[in-house]
N, C-alpha and C. Protein backbone atom coordinates (compact mmCIF):
# COMPACT_ATOMS: atom_id res chain seq x y z
N UNK A 1 133.21 101.69 81.14
CA UNK A 1 132.72 102.28 82.37
C UNK A 1 131.38 101.66 82.71
N UNK A 2 131.15 101.47 83.98
CA UNK A 2 129.89 100.92 84.44
C UNK A 2 129.17 101.97 85.29
N UNK A 3 127.90 102.21 84.92
CA UNK A 3 127.09 103.20 85.63
C UNK A 3 125.91 102.46 86.26
N UNK A 4 125.79 102.58 87.57
CA UNK A 4 124.72 101.90 88.28
C UNK A 4 123.63 102.89 88.66
N UNK A 5 122.44 102.36 88.83
CA UNK A 5 121.33 103.20 89.23
C UNK A 5 120.08 102.36 89.42
N UNK A 6 118.96 103.03 89.37
CA UNK A 6 117.68 102.36 89.54
C UNK A 6 116.67 103.30 90.15
N UNK A 7 115.59 102.70 90.60
CA UNK A 7 114.54 103.51 91.23
C UNK A 7 114.94 103.85 92.67
N UNK A 8 114.14 104.66 93.32
CA UNK A 8 114.46 105.14 94.66
C UNK A 8 114.38 104.05 95.72
N UNK A 9 113.40 103.14 95.60
CA UNK A 9 113.19 102.12 96.64
C UNK A 9 113.95 100.83 96.41
N UNK A 10 114.60 100.66 95.25
CA UNK A 10 115.39 99.48 94.97
C UNK A 10 114.68 98.35 94.25
N UNK A 11 113.43 98.55 93.87
CA UNK A 11 112.70 97.50 93.17
C UNK A 11 113.23 97.26 91.76
N UNK A 12 113.77 98.31 91.13
CA UNK A 12 114.36 98.21 89.80
C UNK A 12 115.80 98.72 89.87
N UNK A 13 116.73 97.87 89.43
CA UNK A 13 118.12 98.29 89.36
C UNK A 13 118.54 98.31 87.89
N UNK A 14 119.47 99.19 87.57
CA UNK A 14 119.98 99.26 86.19
C UNK A 14 121.50 99.41 86.23
N UNK A 15 122.16 98.71 85.32
CA UNK A 15 123.59 98.86 85.10
C UNK A 15 123.79 99.15 83.63
N UNK A 16 124.43 100.26 83.34
CA UNK A 16 124.67 100.72 81.98
C UNK A 16 126.17 100.72 81.75
N UNK A 17 126.64 99.90 80.80
CA UNK A 17 128.06 99.83 80.48
C UNK A 17 128.30 100.49 79.13
N UNK A 18 129.33 101.34 79.08
CA UNK A 18 129.67 102.04 77.85
C UNK A 18 131.14 102.45 77.91
N UNK A 19 131.81 102.39 76.77
CA UNK A 19 133.19 102.87 76.68
C UNK A 19 133.24 104.39 76.54
N UNK A 20 132.09 105.01 76.30
CA UNK A 20 132.03 106.47 76.14
C UNK A 20 131.98 107.11 77.53
N UNK A 21 132.84 108.08 77.75
CA UNK A 21 132.83 108.80 79.03
C UNK A 21 131.49 109.52 79.17
N UNK A 22 130.92 109.53 80.38
CA UNK A 22 129.62 110.20 80.55
C UNK A 22 129.64 111.67 80.14
N UNK A 23 130.77 112.34 80.35
CA UNK A 23 130.88 113.75 79.99
C UNK A 23 130.82 113.97 78.48
N UNK A 24 131.11 112.93 77.70
CA UNK A 24 131.11 113.03 76.24
C UNK A 24 129.87 112.41 75.59
N UNK A 25 129.04 111.76 76.37
CA UNK A 25 127.89 111.03 75.83
C UNK A 25 126.75 111.97 75.46
N UNK A 26 126.13 111.69 74.31
CA UNK A 26 124.96 112.45 73.88
C UNK A 26 123.80 112.20 74.85
N UNK A 27 123.19 113.28 75.29
CA UNK A 27 122.02 113.21 76.16
C UNK A 27 120.84 113.73 75.36
N UNK A 28 119.76 112.93 75.31
CA UNK A 28 118.59 113.31 74.51
C UNK A 28 117.40 113.66 75.41
N UNK A 29 116.69 114.69 75.00
CA UNK A 29 115.46 115.11 75.67
C UNK A 29 114.32 114.88 74.68
N UNK A 30 113.71 113.71 74.75
CA UNK A 30 112.60 113.39 73.86
C UNK A 30 111.48 114.40 74.09
N UNK A 31 110.83 114.78 73.00
CA UNK A 31 109.78 115.79 73.09
C UNK A 31 108.37 115.21 73.10
N UNK A 32 108.25 113.89 73.27
CA UNK A 32 106.90 113.32 73.38
C UNK A 32 106.27 113.77 74.70
N UNK A 33 104.97 113.65 74.79
CA UNK A 33 104.27 114.14 75.98
C UNK A 33 104.69 113.39 77.24
N UNK A 34 104.93 112.09 77.15
CA UNK A 34 105.35 111.31 78.32
C UNK A 34 106.69 111.81 78.85
N UNK A 35 107.68 111.91 77.97
CA UNK A 35 109.01 112.33 78.40
C UNK A 35 109.03 113.78 78.88
N UNK A 36 108.26 114.65 78.24
CA UNK A 36 108.19 116.04 78.71
C UNK A 36 107.60 116.10 80.11
N UNK A 37 106.55 115.32 80.37
CA UNK A 37 105.93 115.34 81.71
C UNK A 37 106.88 114.81 82.78
N UNK A 38 107.80 113.93 82.39
CA UNK A 38 108.78 113.39 83.34
C UNK A 38 110.08 114.19 83.32
N UNK A 39 110.20 115.15 82.41
CA UNK A 39 111.45 115.91 82.24
C UNK A 39 112.62 114.95 82.09
N UNK A 40 112.41 113.89 81.33
CA UNK A 40 113.43 112.84 81.24
C UNK A 40 114.52 113.19 80.25
N UNK A 41 115.71 112.78 80.59
CA UNK A 41 116.88 112.85 79.74
C UNK A 41 117.38 111.43 79.60
N UNK A 42 117.69 111.02 78.37
CA UNK A 42 118.04 109.62 78.13
C UNK A 42 119.40 109.50 77.47
N UNK A 43 120.05 108.36 77.73
CA UNK A 43 121.32 108.02 77.10
C UNK A 43 121.24 106.59 76.57
N UNK A 44 122.06 106.34 75.56
CA UNK A 44 122.20 104.99 75.02
C UNK A 44 123.53 104.90 74.30
N UNK A 45 123.98 103.67 74.08
CA UNK A 45 125.21 103.40 73.35
C UNK A 45 125.05 102.06 72.66
N UNK A 46 124.90 102.05 71.34
CA UNK A 46 124.70 100.79 70.63
C UNK A 46 125.83 99.78 70.84
N UNK A 47 127.02 100.26 71.23
CA UNK A 47 128.15 99.37 71.49
C UNK A 47 128.24 98.99 72.96
N UNK A 48 127.32 99.48 73.77
CA UNK A 48 127.34 99.22 75.21
C UNK A 48 126.43 98.06 75.60
N UNK A 49 126.03 98.06 76.86
CA UNK A 49 125.16 97.01 77.38
C UNK A 49 124.37 97.56 78.58
N UNK A 50 123.10 97.18 78.66
CA UNK A 50 122.26 97.55 79.80
C UNK A 50 121.72 96.28 80.44
N UNK A 51 121.78 96.24 81.76
CA UNK A 51 121.15 95.16 82.53
C UNK A 51 120.12 95.80 83.44
N UNK A 52 118.87 95.39 83.26
CA UNK A 52 117.78 95.86 84.12
C UNK A 52 117.40 94.68 85.00
N UNK A 53 117.54 94.87 86.30
CA UNK A 53 117.23 93.82 87.26
C UNK A 53 115.98 94.20 88.02
N UNK A 54 114.97 93.37 87.90
CA UNK A 54 113.70 93.60 88.58
C UNK A 54 113.76 92.89 89.93
N UNK A 55 114.25 93.60 90.93
CA UNK A 55 114.40 93.02 92.27
C UNK A 55 113.05 92.65 92.87
N UNK A 56 112.04 93.45 92.56
CA UNK A 56 110.68 93.19 93.03
C UNK A 56 109.74 93.34 91.83
N UNK A 57 109.60 92.28 91.02
CA UNK A 57 108.81 92.37 89.79
C UNK A 57 107.39 92.88 89.99
N UNK A 58 106.77 92.59 91.13
CA UNK A 58 105.40 93.04 91.36
C UNK A 58 105.30 94.56 91.47
N UNK A 59 106.41 95.23 91.79
CA UNK A 59 106.41 96.69 91.93
C UNK A 59 106.63 97.39 90.59
N UNK A 60 107.05 96.66 89.58
CA UNK A 60 107.39 97.26 88.29
C UNK A 60 106.12 97.51 87.47
N UNK A 61 106.01 98.71 86.96
CA UNK A 61 104.92 99.08 86.06
C UNK A 61 105.53 99.28 84.68
N UNK A 62 104.94 98.62 83.69
CA UNK A 62 105.34 98.83 82.29
C UNK A 62 104.22 99.61 81.63
N UNK A 63 104.61 100.67 80.93
CA UNK A 63 103.63 101.54 80.30
C UNK A 63 103.94 101.61 78.81
N UNK A 64 102.90 101.56 77.98
CA UNK A 64 103.03 101.72 76.53
C UNK A 64 102.03 102.76 76.08
N UNK A 65 102.40 103.52 75.05
CA UNK A 65 101.48 104.50 74.48
C UNK A 65 101.89 104.75 73.03
N UNK A 66 101.17 105.59 72.34
CA UNK A 66 101.51 105.95 70.97
C UNK A 66 101.54 104.73 70.06
N UNK A 67 102.69 104.46 69.46
CA UNK A 67 102.84 103.33 68.56
C UNK A 67 103.03 102.00 69.30
N UNK A 68 103.12 102.05 70.62
CA UNK A 68 103.25 100.85 71.47
C UNK A 68 104.44 99.98 71.07
N UNK A 69 105.57 100.61 70.78
CA UNK A 69 106.75 99.86 70.38
C UNK A 69 107.74 99.63 71.52
N UNK A 70 107.54 100.27 72.66
CA UNK A 70 108.48 100.12 73.77
C UNK A 70 107.71 100.07 75.09
N UNK A 71 108.32 99.40 76.07
CA UNK A 71 107.82 99.41 77.43
C UNK A 71 108.62 100.44 78.22
N UNK A 72 107.91 101.32 78.91
CA UNK A 72 108.54 102.31 79.77
C UNK A 72 108.50 101.74 81.18
N UNK A 73 109.66 101.51 81.78
CA UNK A 73 109.77 100.88 83.09
C UNK A 73 109.72 101.95 84.18
N UNK A 74 108.67 101.87 84.98
CA UNK A 74 108.49 102.78 86.11
C UNK A 74 108.30 101.93 87.37
N UNK A 75 108.71 102.46 88.48
CA UNK A 75 108.46 101.77 89.74
C UNK A 75 107.08 102.19 90.25
N UNK A 76 106.23 101.20 90.48
CA UNK A 76 104.89 101.46 90.98
C UNK A 76 104.86 101.86 92.44
N UNK A 77 105.96 101.66 93.14
CA UNK A 77 106.02 102.03 94.56
C UNK A 77 106.58 103.44 94.74
N UNK A 78 107.75 103.73 94.16
CA UNK A 78 108.36 105.05 94.40
C UNK A 78 108.20 106.01 93.23
N UNK A 79 107.74 105.52 92.07
CA UNK A 79 107.39 106.38 90.95
C UNK A 79 108.50 106.74 89.99
N UNK A 80 109.70 106.22 90.16
CA UNK A 80 110.83 106.62 89.31
C UNK A 80 110.75 105.94 87.94
N UNK A 81 110.96 106.72 86.88
CA UNK A 81 111.07 106.25 85.50
C UNK A 81 112.54 105.90 85.28
N UNK A 82 112.82 104.63 84.96
CA UNK A 82 114.19 104.13 84.91
C UNK A 82 114.70 103.93 83.49
N UNK A 83 113.88 103.35 82.62
CA UNK A 83 114.35 102.99 81.28
C UNK A 83 113.16 102.76 80.35
N UNK A 84 113.46 102.74 79.06
CA UNK A 84 112.49 102.31 78.05
C UNK A 84 113.14 101.17 77.29
N UNK A 85 112.32 100.16 76.94
CA UNK A 85 112.86 98.95 76.34
C UNK A 85 112.02 98.54 75.12
N UNK A 86 112.71 98.28 74.02
CA UNK A 86 112.12 97.69 72.82
C UNK A 86 112.50 96.22 72.82
N UNK A 87 111.52 95.35 72.57
CA UNK A 87 111.82 93.92 72.41
C UNK A 87 111.46 93.52 70.99
N UNK A 88 112.43 92.91 70.30
CA UNK A 88 112.20 92.40 68.94
C UNK A 88 112.94 91.09 68.76
N UNK A 89 112.19 90.08 68.34
CA UNK A 89 112.77 88.76 68.06
C UNK A 89 113.62 88.26 69.22
N UNK A 90 113.13 88.47 70.44
CA UNK A 90 113.82 87.99 71.63
C UNK A 90 115.00 88.83 72.08
N UNK A 91 115.30 89.90 71.35
CA UNK A 91 116.39 90.80 71.72
C UNK A 91 115.80 92.07 72.33
N UNK A 92 116.46 92.61 73.35
CA UNK A 92 116.03 93.85 73.99
C UNK A 92 117.02 94.97 73.67
N UNK A 93 116.47 96.18 73.51
CA UNK A 93 117.25 97.39 73.30
C UNK A 93 116.69 98.44 74.26
N UNK A 94 117.57 99.21 74.90
CA UNK A 94 117.08 100.13 75.93
C UNK A 94 117.76 101.49 75.86
N UNK A 95 117.04 102.46 76.40
CA UNK A 95 117.63 103.74 76.79
C UNK A 95 117.55 103.77 78.31
N UNK A 96 118.48 104.47 78.91
CA UNK A 96 118.50 104.63 80.36
C UNK A 96 118.22 106.09 80.67
N UNK A 97 117.38 106.31 81.67
CA UNK A 97 117.06 107.68 82.09
C UNK A 97 118.17 108.18 83.01
N UNK A 98 118.78 109.28 82.62
CA UNK A 98 119.96 109.81 83.32
C UNK A 98 119.70 109.99 84.82
N UNK A 99 118.55 110.56 85.19
CA UNK A 99 118.30 110.83 86.61
C UNK A 99 118.15 109.57 87.44
N UNK A 100 118.02 108.41 86.81
CA UNK A 100 117.96 107.15 87.55
C UNK A 100 119.36 106.61 87.83
N UNK A 101 120.40 107.26 87.30
CA UNK A 101 121.77 106.80 87.52
C UNK A 101 122.39 107.51 88.72
N UNK A 102 123.21 106.77 89.46
CA UNK A 102 123.83 107.33 90.67
C UNK A 102 124.71 108.53 90.37
N UNK A 103 125.40 108.52 89.24
CA UNK A 103 126.28 109.63 88.88
C UNK A 103 125.69 110.46 87.75
N UNK A 104 124.41 110.77 87.87
CA UNK A 104 123.68 111.50 86.82
C UNK A 104 124.39 112.80 86.43
N UNK A 105 124.98 113.49 87.36
CA UNK A 105 125.64 114.76 87.09
C UNK A 105 126.81 114.67 86.13
N UNK A 106 127.38 113.49 85.98
CA UNK A 106 128.51 113.33 85.06
C UNK A 106 128.06 113.34 83.60
N UNK A 107 126.78 113.10 83.32
CA UNK A 107 126.26 113.14 81.96
C UNK A 107 125.92 114.60 81.66
N UNK A 108 126.95 115.35 81.31
CA UNK A 108 126.86 116.81 81.35
C UNK A 108 126.71 117.49 79.98
N UNK A 109 126.59 116.72 78.91
CA UNK A 109 126.36 117.35 77.60
C UNK A 109 125.00 118.06 77.61
N UNK A 110 124.89 119.21 76.96
CA UNK A 110 123.58 119.86 76.88
C UNK A 110 122.60 118.92 76.17
N UNK A 111 121.40 118.75 76.71
CA UNK A 111 120.45 117.82 76.10
C UNK A 111 120.03 118.27 74.71
N UNK A 112 119.95 117.29 73.82
CA UNK A 112 119.47 117.54 72.46
C UNK A 112 117.98 117.24 72.41
N UNK A 113 117.19 118.22 71.99
CA UNK A 113 115.75 117.99 71.85
C UNK A 113 115.54 117.02 70.70
N UNK A 114 114.78 115.97 70.95
CA UNK A 114 114.56 114.92 69.95
C UNK A 114 113.06 114.77 69.71
N UNK A 115 112.66 115.00 68.46
CA UNK A 115 111.25 114.86 68.10
C UNK A 115 111.11 113.71 67.11
N UNK A 116 110.46 112.65 67.53
CA UNK A 116 110.29 111.45 66.71
C UNK A 116 108.86 111.31 66.20
N UNK A 117 108.07 112.37 66.27
CA UNK A 117 106.65 112.29 65.92
C UNK A 117 106.41 111.98 64.44
N UNK A 118 107.39 112.21 63.59
CA UNK A 118 107.25 111.94 62.16
C UNK A 118 107.43 110.46 61.82
N UNK A 119 107.92 109.65 62.74
CA UNK A 119 108.22 108.26 62.45
C UNK A 119 106.97 107.39 62.43
N UNK A 120 106.95 106.45 61.49
CA UNK A 120 105.93 105.40 61.56
C UNK A 120 106.51 104.26 62.39
N UNK A 121 105.74 103.21 62.59
CA UNK A 121 106.19 102.12 63.47
C UNK A 121 107.49 101.48 62.98
N UNK A 122 107.60 101.21 61.70
CA UNK A 122 108.81 100.56 61.17
C UNK A 122 110.04 101.44 61.37
N UNK A 123 109.92 102.73 61.11
CA UNK A 123 111.05 103.64 61.28
C UNK A 123 111.44 103.75 62.75
N UNK A 124 110.46 103.78 63.63
CA UNK A 124 110.75 103.88 65.06
C UNK A 124 111.50 102.65 65.54
N UNK A 125 111.03 101.49 65.17
CA UNK A 125 111.70 100.25 65.57
C UNK A 125 113.14 100.20 65.01
N UNK A 126 113.31 100.60 63.75
CA UNK A 126 114.63 100.59 63.13
C UNK A 126 115.58 101.53 63.88
N UNK A 127 115.13 102.75 64.15
CA UNK A 127 115.98 103.71 64.89
C UNK A 127 116.37 103.15 66.24
N UNK A 128 115.44 102.57 66.94
CA UNK A 128 115.74 102.04 68.26
C UNK A 128 116.72 100.87 68.19
N UNK A 129 116.56 100.00 67.22
CA UNK A 129 117.52 98.89 67.07
C UNK A 129 118.93 99.42 66.78
N UNK A 130 119.01 100.49 66.02
CA UNK A 130 120.30 101.05 65.63
C UNK A 130 120.94 101.93 66.70
N UNK A 131 120.13 102.67 67.48
CA UNK A 131 120.69 103.68 68.39
C UNK A 131 120.61 103.31 69.87
N UNK A 132 119.69 102.42 70.23
CA UNK A 132 119.55 102.06 71.63
C UNK A 132 120.58 101.00 72.01
N UNK A 133 120.70 100.75 73.28
CA UNK A 133 121.73 99.84 73.82
C UNK A 133 121.17 98.44 73.96
N UNK A 134 121.91 97.42 73.50
CA UNK A 134 121.49 96.05 73.76
C UNK A 134 121.28 95.84 75.26
N UNK A 135 120.21 95.11 75.60
CA UNK A 135 119.84 95.01 77.01
C UNK A 135 119.41 93.60 77.39
N UNK A 136 119.52 93.34 78.67
CA UNK A 136 119.03 92.11 79.29
C UNK A 136 118.14 92.52 80.45
N UNK A 137 117.00 91.85 80.56
CA UNK A 137 116.10 92.08 81.69
C UNK A 137 116.07 90.79 82.50
N UNK A 138 116.30 90.94 83.80
CA UNK A 138 116.31 89.74 84.65
C UNK A 138 115.54 89.99 85.93
N UNK A 139 115.02 88.90 86.47
CA UNK A 139 114.36 88.93 87.78
C UNK A 139 114.97 87.79 88.58
N UNK A 140 115.77 88.12 89.60
CA UNK A 140 116.47 87.07 90.34
C UNK A 140 115.53 86.10 91.06
């Protein structure tokens, strides 16, 4: 299945491919301060694929905090939080924010509260490599 989405103004587009039906996919509600302030719900599939297309790279804001292991992709023009991306050894891994997807309502599993505050940097990177979706970032 292919799920399309992105920010409100079109500067960032995302395509999330997964064989898991959205109704059956685990939805996570990270409990960090950033995600709580955005009320974000995230999905990923290690067997899937994410393509993030930066239609207007100058409008994209990347934010890092805490252990600084991931870039949080936000649109600097319309303000939408689209995805978080870990880059390691030239490979990207991502989570997609459900509300940035066109069919967000289909991701209907009750969100699981996720607290990762106990992780050190190595554990956080390992979890993300194992649980996040392989990703490609492109700017046409």
